[in-house]
Every structure is written in structure tokens, then in C-alpha cells.
């Protein structure tokens, strides 16, 4: 790795470019991208000296007891260089709880990324990740 990790949230253009590079365009709403990124509680980007921002990760949550790692994306041209591991490691370091408290840091991992997260101490034992996608409206109303 010849680049460096910077503690900042990716810009909307950086995020869109990385998402497109890995085929994740459908996962994000372009109209909400900027607001969503600005609501992050922490973020990191990996800057390559020749190619600019080639990786990113961010965290969402309350920043006190709960944080969830989102959008860990590395451009395919730089895959396999340890960038995802470096991004997540630095992001976790930014998520320090207040003295005397504990923070739960969660994430959803693709099958290909499980090893990255396990190498950093994440585990799935005792937990079952679940999710639901909700479109518009209020599905909880009868």
C-alpha cells in the first residue's frame, strides 16, 4: 500500500464513483446521497498518490453506544492490497466510547469480506444480522 488513510467522510462524488466501480449503484439513492453521507458519525477514505480516493468506509449510529459500519468500498483496481482492512481498522479507532462505557459496533458482511472483519476481531457468534428494506410510506401502520 503506497497511499494513506484520512479521517473524513467521502464526498458524494467519491462515494458515487466507488459505488459504480463495484456495481453498487442500485444500493443508493442519488437524491439522498449527500444528506446520508453528512449524517455519518465517522468516516475514512484511502487516498492513492496516483489514483486519488480508491476506498472508503463510514459509520452511522448514535456515536455513544451504537455504531454500524457501512459502505466499505474499495475500487476493484486496488482490491487485495489490504485497503479494506486498513479502512475498517482506522474507522474502529475513531469510534472510541466515552470512558467507563462500551460501544457496540456492528456491520453486515458479504461472503467475500468476512475474513477482513474476522481479522479485526468481529464475530457473528451470539448474533444474527437481520434487515428489512422499506420503501416510502409507513409500513407499520395498518
N, C-alpha and C. Protein backbone atom coordinates (compact mmCIF):
# COMPACT_ATOMS: atom_id res chain seq x y z
N UNK A 1 0.85 -1.19 0.00
CA UNK A 1 0.00 0.00 0.00
C UNK A 1 0.88 1.24 0.00
N UNK A 2 0.69 2.05 -0.98
CA UNK A 2 1.50 3.26 -1.07
C UNK A 2 0.72 4.50 -0.70
N UNK A 3 -0.57 4.36 -0.43
CA UNK A 3 -1.40 5.50 -0.09
C UNK A 3 -1.52 5.67 1.41
N UNK A 4 -2.56 6.43 1.79
CA UNK A 4 -2.78 6.66 3.21
C UNK A 4 -4.26 6.79 3.51
N UNK A 5 -4.60 6.52 4.76
CA UNK A 5 -5.97 6.64 5.24
C UNK A 5 -6.15 8.02 5.85
N UNK A 6 -7.21 8.72 5.43
CA UNK A 6 -7.55 10.01 6.00
C UNK A 6 -8.88 9.88 6.75
N UNK A 7 -8.95 10.53 7.90
CA UNK A 7 -10.18 10.51 8.70
C UNK A 7 -11.13 11.59 8.19
N UNK A 8 -11.98 11.19 7.25
CA UNK A 8 -13.03 12.08 6.76
C UNK A 8 -14.05 11.24 5.99
N UNK A 9 -15.25 11.74 5.90
CA UNK A 9 -16.29 11.06 5.14
C UNK A 9 -16.06 11.34 3.66
N UNK A 10 -16.29 10.35 2.83
CA UNK A 10 -16.16 10.52 1.39
C UNK A 10 -17.15 11.58 0.90
N UNK A 11 -16.78 12.29 -0.14
CA UNK A 11 -17.69 13.24 -0.76
C UNK A 11 -18.75 12.46 -1.54
N UNK A 12 -19.87 13.10 -1.86
CA UNK A 12 -20.86 12.41 -2.68
C UNK A 12 -20.29 11.91 -4.02
N UNK A 13 -19.43 12.68 -4.67
CA UNK A 13 -18.84 12.24 -5.93
C UNK A 13 -17.90 11.04 -5.73
N UNK A 14 -17.11 11.07 -4.66
CA UNK A 14 -16.23 9.93 -4.37
C UNK A 14 -17.05 8.68 -4.10
N UNK A 15 -18.08 8.83 -3.29
CA UNK A 15 -18.96 7.71 -2.95
C UNK A 15 -19.62 7.14 -4.21
N UNK A 16 -20.17 8.01 -5.04
CA UNK A 16 -20.84 7.56 -6.26
C UNK A 16 -19.87 6.84 -7.19
N UNK A 17 -18.66 7.37 -7.32
CA UNK A 17 -17.67 6.74 -8.19
C UNK A 17 -17.26 5.36 -7.70
N UNK A 18 -17.04 5.23 -6.40
CA UNK A 18 -16.67 3.93 -5.85
C UNK A 18 -17.82 2.94 -5.95
N UNK A 19 -19.04 3.39 -5.65
CA UNK A 19 -20.20 2.51 -5.75
C UNK A 19 -20.37 2.01 -7.19
N UNK A 20 -20.19 2.88 -8.15
CA UNK A 20 -20.31 2.48 -9.56
C UNK A 20 -19.22 1.48 -9.93
N UNK A 21 -18.01 1.68 -9.40
CA UNK A 21 -16.89 0.81 -9.73
C UNK A 21 -17.12 -0.63 -9.28
N UNK A 22 -17.89 -0.81 -8.20
CA UNK A 22 -18.15 -2.16 -7.69
C UNK A 22 -19.56 -2.65 -8.01
N UNK A 23 -20.30 -1.87 -8.80
CA UNK A 23 -21.63 -2.29 -9.21
C UNK A 23 -22.71 -2.12 -8.16
N UNK A 24 -22.53 -1.18 -7.25
CA UNK A 24 -23.49 -0.97 -6.17
C UNK A 24 -24.40 0.24 -6.41
N UNK A 25 -24.52 0.73 -7.62
CA UNK A 25 -25.32 1.92 -7.88
C UNK A 25 -26.74 1.77 -7.35
N UNK A 26 -27.35 0.61 -7.51
CA UNK A 26 -28.74 0.41 -7.13
C UNK A 26 -28.95 0.44 -5.61
N UNK A 27 -27.88 0.36 -4.84
CA UNK A 27 -28.00 0.37 -3.38
C UNK A 27 -28.19 1.77 -2.80
N UNK A 28 -28.01 2.80 -3.61
CA UNK A 28 -28.02 4.16 -3.09
C UNK A 28 -28.97 5.04 -3.89
N UNK A 29 -29.58 5.99 -3.20
CA UNK A 29 -30.46 6.96 -3.82
C UNK A 29 -29.65 8.23 -4.05
N UNK A 30 -29.46 8.59 -5.30
CA UNK A 30 -28.65 9.77 -5.62
C UNK A 30 -29.19 11.05 -4.99
N UNK A 31 -30.50 11.12 -4.79
CA UNK A 31 -31.11 12.32 -4.20
C UNK A 31 -30.82 12.44 -2.71
N UNK A 32 -30.50 11.31 -2.07
CA UNK A 32 -30.24 11.30 -0.63
C UNK A 32 -28.76 11.15 -0.28
N UNK A 33 -27.94 10.90 -1.29
CA UNK A 33 -26.54 10.57 -1.03
C UNK A 33 -25.82 11.60 -0.17
N UNK A 34 -25.89 12.87 -0.52
CA UNK A 34 -25.16 13.91 0.22
C UNK A 34 -25.65 14.00 1.66
N UNK A 35 -26.96 13.99 1.86
CA UNK A 35 -27.51 14.08 3.21
C UNK A 35 -27.16 12.83 4.02
N UNK A 36 -27.22 11.69 3.39
CA UNK A 36 -26.87 10.44 4.08
C UNK A 36 -25.42 10.45 4.53
N UNK A 37 -24.53 10.85 3.64
CA UNK A 37 -23.11 10.91 4.00
C UNK A 37 -22.86 11.91 5.12
N UNK A 38 -23.54 13.05 5.07
CA UNK A 38 -23.31 14.07 6.11
C UNK A 38 -23.84 13.63 7.46
N UNK A 39 -24.74 12.65 7.49
CA UNK A 39 -25.26 12.13 8.76
C UNK A 39 -24.34 11.06 9.37
N UNK A 40 -23.26 10.73 8.70
CA UNK A 40 -22.31 9.75 9.23
C UNK A 40 -21.69 10.28 10.52
N UNK A 41 -21.39 9.37 11.44
CA UNK A 41 -20.75 9.79 12.68
C UNK A 41 -19.22 9.74 12.57
N UNK A 42 -18.71 9.04 11.55
CA UNK A 42 -17.27 8.99 11.29
C UNK A 42 -17.07 8.44 9.89
N UNK A 43 -15.93 8.73 9.33
CA UNK A 43 -15.62 8.22 8.01
C UNK A 43 -14.13 8.21 7.76
N UNK A 44 -13.72 7.36 6.83
CA UNK A 44 -12.33 7.30 6.41
C UNK A 44 -12.28 7.07 4.90
N UNK A 45 -11.27 7.60 4.28
CA UNK A 45 -11.02 7.35 2.87
C UNK A 45 -9.57 6.91 2.71
N UNK A 46 -9.33 6.13 1.66
CA UNK A 46 -7.97 5.72 1.33
C UNK A 46 -7.57 6.47 0.07
N UNK A 47 -6.50 7.23 0.16
CA UNK A 47 -6.04 8.05 -0.96
C UNK A 47 -4.76 7.45 -1.52
N UNK A 48 -4.83 7.05 -2.79
CA UNK A 48 -3.67 6.56 -3.52
C UNK A 48 -2.98 7.76 -4.17
N UNK A 49 -1.66 7.84 -4.12
CA UNK A 49 -0.98 9.01 -4.68
C UNK A 49 -1.21 9.22 -6.17
N UNK A 50 -1.49 8.15 -6.91
CA UNK A 50 -1.70 8.27 -8.34
C UNK A 50 -3.18 8.35 -8.73
N UNK A 51 -4.04 7.62 -8.01
CA UNK A 51 -5.44 7.48 -8.41
C UNK A 51 -6.43 8.22 -7.54
N UNK A 52 -5.98 8.92 -6.53
CA UNK A 52 -6.90 9.65 -5.65
C UNK A 52 -7.62 8.71 -4.69
N UNK A 53 -8.86 9.01 -4.35
CA UNK A 53 -9.62 8.20 -3.40
C UNK A 53 -10.03 6.89 -4.07
N UNK A 54 -9.51 5.79 -3.53
CA UNK A 54 -9.80 4.47 -4.09
C UNK A 54 -10.51 3.57 -3.08
N UNK A 55 -10.81 4.10 -1.90
CA UNK A 55 -11.52 3.32 -0.90
C UNK A 55 -12.17 4.22 0.11
N UNK A 56 -13.21 3.69 0.75
CA UNK A 56 -13.91 4.47 1.77
C UNK A 56 -14.63 3.52 2.72
N UNK A 57 -14.94 4.03 3.89
CA UNK A 57 -15.80 3.36 4.85
C UNK A 57 -16.38 4.45 5.74
N UNK A 58 -17.56 4.18 6.27
CA UNK A 58 -18.16 5.16 7.17
C UNK A 58 -18.94 4.44 8.25
N UNK A 59 -19.30 5.19 9.29
CA UNK A 59 -20.09 4.63 10.39
C UNK A 59 -21.32 5.49 10.59
N UNK A 60 -22.41 4.83 10.93
CA UNK A 60 -23.65 5.50 11.27
C UNK A 60 -24.06 5.02 12.65
N UNK A 61 -24.93 5.74 13.31
CA UNK A 61 -25.39 5.35 14.63
C UNK A 61 -25.51 6.54 15.55
N UNK A 62 -25.57 6.28 16.85
CA UNK A 62 -25.69 7.40 17.79
C UNK A 62 -24.33 7.91 18.26
N UNK A 63 -23.27 7.19 17.98
CA UNK A 63 -21.93 7.63 18.35
C UNK A 63 -21.63 7.53 19.83
N UNK A 64 -22.55 7.01 20.60
CA UNK A 64 -22.36 6.89 22.04
C UNK A 64 -22.28 5.42 22.47
N UNK A 65 -23.32 4.67 22.11
CA UNK A 65 -23.35 3.26 22.47
C UNK A 65 -23.38 2.35 21.25
N UNK A 66 -23.84 2.89 20.11
CA UNK A 66 -24.03 2.07 18.93
C UNK A 66 -23.45 2.73 17.69
N UNK A 67 -22.76 1.92 16.92
CA UNK A 67 -22.24 2.37 15.63
C UNK A 67 -22.32 1.18 14.68
N UNK A 68 -22.61 1.47 13.45
CA UNK A 68 -22.68 0.45 12.41
C UNK A 68 -21.80 0.88 11.25
N UNK A 69 -20.94 -0.03 10.83
CA UNK A 69 -20.05 0.25 9.73
C UNK A 69 -20.81 0.02 8.42
N UNK A 70 -20.72 1.00 7.54
CA UNK A 70 -21.44 0.99 6.27
C UNK A 70 -20.49 1.30 5.13
N UNK A 71 -20.87 0.89 3.96
CA UNK A 71 -20.23 1.34 2.72
C UNK A 71 -18.71 1.18 2.72
N UNK A 72 -18.25 0.00 3.09
CA UNK A 72 -16.81 -0.27 2.95
C UNK A 72 -16.62 -0.65 1.48
N UNK A 73 -16.00 0.26 0.74
CA UNK A 73 -15.86 0.07 -0.71
C UNK A 73 -14.42 0.33 -1.11
N UNK A 74 -13.85 -0.60 -1.87
CA UNK A 74 -12.51 -0.42 -2.44
C UNK A 74 -12.62 -0.63 -3.94
N UNK A 75 -12.06 0.29 -4.69
CA UNK A 75 -12.07 0.18 -6.15
C UNK A 75 -11.43 -1.15 -6.56
N UNK A 76 -12.06 -1.88 -7.48
CA UNK A 76 -11.52 -3.18 -7.89
C UNK A 76 -10.07 -3.16 -8.36
N UNK A 77 -9.62 -2.06 -8.92
CA UNK A 77 -8.22 -1.98 -9.36
C UNK A 77 -7.24 -2.03 -8.19
N UNK A 78 -7.74 -1.83 -6.97
CA UNK A 78 -6.88 -1.81 -5.78
C UNK A 78 -7.26 -2.91 -4.80
N UNK A 79 -8.11 -3.82 -5.23
CA UNK A 79 -8.55 -4.92 -4.39
C UNK A 79 -7.38 -5.85 -4.06
N UNK A 80 -7.40 -6.41 -2.86
CA UNK A 80 -6.35 -7.36 -2.47
C UNK A 80 -5.09 -6.72 -1.93
N UNK A 81 -5.13 -5.42 -1.71
CA UNK A 81 -3.94 -4.72 -1.21
C UNK A 81 -4.03 -4.37 0.28
N UNK A 82 -5.04 -4.89 0.96
CA UNK A 82 -5.18 -4.61 2.39
C UNK A 82 -5.87 -3.28 2.70
N UNK A 83 -6.43 -2.65 1.69
CA UNK A 83 -7.05 -1.33 1.90
C UNK A 83 -8.30 -1.44 2.76
N UNK A 84 -9.16 -2.42 2.50
CA UNK A 84 -10.38 -2.57 3.30
C UNK A 84 -10.04 -2.78 4.76
N UNK A 85 -9.05 -3.61 5.03
CA UNK A 85 -8.62 -3.86 6.41
C UNK A 85 -8.13 -2.57 7.06
N UNK A 86 -7.32 -1.81 6.34
CA UNK A 86 -6.80 -0.55 6.89
C UNK A 86 -7.93 0.44 7.15
N UNK A 87 -8.90 0.52 6.23
CA UNK A 87 -10.03 1.43 6.41
C UNK A 87 -10.85 1.08 7.64
N UNK A 88 -11.20 -0.18 7.78
CA UNK A 88 -12.03 -0.59 8.91
C UNK A 88 -11.27 -0.43 10.22
N UNK A 89 -10.00 -0.78 10.23
CA UNK A 89 -9.18 -0.62 11.44
C UNK A 89 -9.17 0.84 11.88
N UNK A 90 -8.92 1.75 10.97
CA UNK A 90 -8.88 3.17 11.32
C UNK A 90 -10.26 3.69 11.73
N UNK A 91 -11.30 3.21 11.07
CA UNK A 91 -12.65 3.63 11.42
C UNK A 91 -13.00 3.21 12.84
N UNK A 92 -12.68 1.97 13.19
CA UNK A 92 -12.95 1.50 14.55
C UNK A 92 -12.18 2.33 15.57
N UNK A 93 -10.96 2.72 15.24
CA UNK A 93 -10.17 3.55 16.15
C UNK A 93 -10.83 4.91 16.38
N UNK A 94 -11.56 5.42 15.40
CA UNK A 94 -12.27 6.69 15.55
C UNK A 94 -13.52 6.56 16.42
N UNK A 95 -14.00 5.36 16.60
CA UNK A 95 -15.27 5.13 17.31
C UNK A 95 -15.05 4.77 18.77
N UNK A 96 -14.23 5.52 19.46
CA UNK A 96 -13.95 5.23 20.86
C UNK A 96 -15.11 5.69 21.74
N UNK A 97 -15.61 4.80 22.60
CA UNK A 97 -16.66 5.21 23.53
C UNK A 97 -16.09 6.09 24.65
N UNK A 98 -16.99 6.76 25.32
CA UNK A 98 -16.58 7.59 26.46
C UNK A 98 -15.99 6.71 27.54
N UNK A 99 -15.11 7.25 28.38
CA UNK A 99 -14.53 6.46 29.47
C UNK A 99 -15.63 5.82 30.33
N UNK A 100 -15.43 4.55 30.65
CA UNK A 100 -16.38 3.84 31.50
C UNK A 100 -17.60 3.32 30.76
N UNK A 101 -17.63 3.49 29.45
CA UNK A 101 -18.76 2.98 28.66
C UNK A 101 -18.28 1.99 27.63
N UNK A 102 -19.22 1.34 27.00
CA UNK A 102 -18.91 0.35 25.98
C UNK A 102 -19.71 0.67 24.73
N UNK A 103 -19.13 0.46 23.57
CA UNK A 103 -19.82 0.71 22.32
C UNK A 103 -19.98 -0.60 21.55
N UNK A 104 -21.18 -0.82 21.03
CA UNK A 104 -21.46 -1.95 20.14
C UNK A 104 -21.21 -1.46 18.72
N UNK A 105 -20.29 -2.13 18.01
CA UNK A 105 -20.03 -1.79 16.61
C UNK A 105 -20.46 -2.98 15.78
N UNK A 106 -21.45 -2.76 14.93
CA UNK A 106 -21.99 -3.83 14.10
C UNK A 106 -21.77 -3.57 12.63
N UNK A 107 -22.01 -4.59 11.83
CA UNK A 107 -21.91 -4.47 10.38
C UNK A 107 -22.55 -5.68 9.72
N UNK A 108 -22.83 -5.56 8.45
CA UNK A 108 -23.22 -6.68 7.62
C UNK A 108 -22.07 -6.93 6.66
N UNK A 109 -21.70 -8.18 6.49
CA UNK A 109 -20.55 -8.52 5.65
C UNK A 109 -20.98 -9.39 4.48
N UNK A 110 -20.44 -9.11 3.32
CA UNK A 110 -20.62 -10.02 2.19
C UNK A 110 -19.76 -11.26 2.47
N UNK A 111 -20.06 -12.35 1.80
CA UNK A 111 -19.28 -13.57 1.99
C UNK A 111 -17.79 -13.32 1.73
N UNK A 112 -17.50 -12.49 0.73
CA UNK A 112 -16.11 -12.22 0.36
C UNK A 112 -15.37 -11.41 1.41
N UNK A 113 -16.09 -10.66 2.24
CA UNK A 113 -15.44 -9.75 3.19
C UNK A 113 -15.37 -10.30 4.62
N UNK A 114 -15.95 -11.45 4.86
CA UNK A 114 -15.97 -11.99 6.22
C UNK A 114 -14.57 -12.08 6.82
N UNK A 115 -13.61 -12.53 6.06
CA UNK A 115 -12.24 -12.67 6.56
C UNK A 115 -11.63 -11.35 6.99
N UNK A 116 -11.92 -10.29 6.27
CA UNK A 116 -11.42 -8.96 6.63
C UNK A 116 -11.90 -8.61 8.03
N UNK A 117 -13.20 -8.76 8.26
CA UNK A 117 -13.78 -8.36 9.55
C UNK A 117 -13.35 -9.30 10.68
N UNK A 118 -13.26 -10.60 10.39
CA UNK A 118 -12.79 -11.52 11.42
C UNK A 118 -11.35 -11.21 11.83
N UNK A 119 -10.51 -10.80 10.88
CA UNK A 119 -9.13 -10.48 11.20
C UNK A 119 -9.02 -9.26 12.12
N UNK A 120 -10.10 -8.48 12.20
CA UNK A 120 -10.13 -7.28 13.05
C UNK A 120 -10.93 -7.51 14.33
N UNK A 121 -11.28 -8.76 14.61
CA UNK A 121 -11.95 -9.09 15.86
C UNK A 121 -13.47 -9.15 15.81
N UNK A 122 -14.08 -8.94 14.65
CA UNK A 122 -15.53 -9.05 14.54
C UNK A 122 -15.92 -10.52 14.52
N UNK A 123 -17.08 -10.83 15.08
CA UNK A 123 -17.57 -12.19 15.11
C UNK A 123 -19.07 -12.21 14.89
N UNK A 124 -19.57 -13.33 14.45
CA UNK A 124 -21.02 -13.48 14.29
C UNK A 124 -21.60 -14.34 15.39
N UNK A 125 -20.77 -14.85 16.28
CA UNK A 125 -21.29 -15.71 17.35
C UNK A 125 -22.17 -14.90 18.30
N UNK A 126 -23.30 -15.49 18.65
CA UNK A 126 -24.22 -14.83 19.58
C UNK A 126 -25.04 -13.73 18.94
N UNK A 127 -24.99 -13.60 17.61
CA UNK A 127 -25.74 -12.54 16.94
C UNK A 127 -26.26 -13.07 15.61
N UNK A 128 -27.38 -12.55 15.23
CA UNK A 128 -27.96 -12.86 13.93
C UNK A 128 -28.27 -11.55 13.25
N UNK A 129 -27.57 -11.23 12.20
CA UNK A 129 -27.84 -10.00 11.47
C UNK A 129 -29.12 -10.14 10.67
N UNK A 130 -29.97 -9.17 10.78
CA UNK A 130 -31.23 -9.17 10.04
C UNK A 130 -31.45 -7.79 9.46
N UNK A 131 -32.23 -7.72 8.42
CA UNK A 131 -32.54 -6.42 7.83
C UNK A 131 -33.87 -6.48 7.12
N UNK A 132 -34.39 -5.31 6.82
CA UNK A 132 -35.61 -5.15 6.05
C UNK A 132 -35.48 -3.87 5.25
N UNK A 133 -35.83 -3.92 4.00
CA UNK A 133 -35.84 -2.72 3.16
C UNK A 133 -37.26 -2.18 3.14
N UNK A 134 -37.40 -0.90 3.41
CA UNK A 134 -38.71 -0.25 3.47
C UNK A 134 -38.74 0.85 2.43
N UNK A 135 -39.77 0.88 1.62
CA UNK A 135 -39.90 1.89 0.58
C UNK A 135 -41.02 2.85 0.91
N UNK A 136 -40.68 4.14 1.00
CA UNK A 136 -41.69 5.18 1.21
C UNK A 136 -42.71 4.83 2.28
N UNK A 137 -43.69 5.68 2.50
CA UNK A 137 -44.79 5.38 3.40
C UNK A 137 -44.37 4.91 4.78
N UNK A 138 -45.32 4.37 5.47
CA UNK A 138 -45.10 3.84 6.83
C UNK A 138 -45.68 2.44 6.92
N UNK A 139 -44.85 1.43 6.69
CA UNK A 139 -45.35 0.06 6.63
C UNK A 139 -45.91 -0.47 7.94
N UNK A 140 -45.60 0.19 9.06
CA UNK A 140 -46.08 -0.30 10.34
C UNK A 140 -47.49 0.13 10.63
N UNK A 141 -48.07 1.00 9.82
CA UNK A 141 -49.46 1.43 10.03
C UNK A 141 -50.41 0.43 9.37
N UNK A 142 -51.52 0.12 10.03
CA UNK A 142 -52.49 -0.83 9.43
C UNK A 142 -53.15 -0.26 8.20
